[in-house]
Amino acid sequence: MSNLLTNIILFLIRKDDFMMAMLWAQQIMLGKKEYTQVPRLLKEQVKEILIDSGMEELITE
């Protein structure tokens, strides 16, 4: 039972991470934020979203 609960919690956390990455990518595309401001744990996901959106020029290290 606890294994199922752990898997559900991990799924929800990963889903929230993806939504946060989408929000950051959107803010970067709108010019309200810069890639350098993205939290370290979300950088790879945000980078992938920007590349998939054809906006790789907004990725500045």
Protein backbone atom coordinates (compact mmCIF):
# COMPACT_ATOMS: atom_id res chain seq x y z
CA MET A 1 0.00 0.00 0.00
CA SER A 2 2.77 2.47 0.87
CA ASN A 3 4.51 1.67 -2.43
CA LEU A 4 1.38 2.69 -4.34
CA LEU A 5 1.12 5.90 -2.32
CA THR A 6 4.79 6.67 -2.99
CA ASN A 7 4.30 6.15 -6.74
CA ILE A 8 1.25 8.44 -6.76
CA ILE A 9 3.15 11.17 -4.91
CA LEU A 10 6.13 10.89 -7.28
CA PHE A 11 3.79 11.09 -10.29
CA LEU A 12 2.17 14.24 -8.96
CA ILE A 13 5.54 15.85 -8.24
CA ARG A 14 6.80 15.08 -11.77
CA LYS A 15 3.58 16.49 -13.24
CA ASP A 16 4.00 19.68 -11.20
CA ASP A 17 7.63 19.98 -12.33
CA PHE A 18 6.55 19.76 -15.96
CA MET A 19 3.88 22.41 -15.47
CA MET A 20 6.40 24.71 -13.76
CA ALA A 21 8.84 24.17 -16.64
CA MET A 22 6.09 25.06 -19.12
CA LEU A 23 5.32 28.23 -17.15
CA TRP A 24 8.98 29.26 -17.11
CA ALA A 25 9.34 28.57 -20.84
CA GLN A 26 6.28 30.67 -21.56
CA GLN A 27 7.58 33.55 -19.46
CA ILE A 28 10.92 33.38 -21.30
CA MET A 29 9.19 33.36 -24.69
CA LEU A 30 7.16 36.42 -23.67
CA GLY A 31 10.33 38.23 -22.62
CA LYS A 32 9.31 38.50 -18.98
CA LYS A 33 12.05 36.19 -17.67
CA GLU A 34 15.47 35.02 -18.84
CA TYR A 35 16.81 31.48 -19.04
CA THR A 36 19.49 32.36 -16.47
CA GLN A 37 16.72 32.95 -13.90
CA VAL A 38 15.29 29.41 -14.22
CA PRO A 39 15.78 27.30 -11.07
CA ARG A 40 18.56 24.73 -11.47
CA LEU A 41 16.23 21.73 -11.15
CA LEU A 42 13.99 22.93 -14.00
CA LYS A 43 16.68 24.10 -16.47
CA GLU A 44 16.85 20.90 -18.54
CA GLN A 45 13.08 20.67 -18.93
CA VAL A 46 12.77 24.35 -19.82
CA LYS A 47 15.63 24.01 -22.31
CA GLU A 48 13.90 21.05 -23.98
CA ILE A 49 10.59 22.95 -24.18
CA LEU A 50 12.27 25.99 -25.72
CA ILE A 51 14.08 23.84 -28.29
CA ASP A 52 10.87 21.97 -29.16
CA SER A 53 9.16 25.35 -29.60
CA GLY A 54 11.82 26.57 -32.02
CA MET A 55 13.05 29.20 -29.58
CA GLU A 56 16.53 27.82 -28.82
CA GLU A 57 18.01 31.29 -29.33
CA LEU A 58 16.52 32.25 -25.96
CA ILE A 59 18.71 29.71 -24.15
CA THR A 60 21.64 31.65 -22.74
CA GLU A 61 23.94 30.07 -20.20
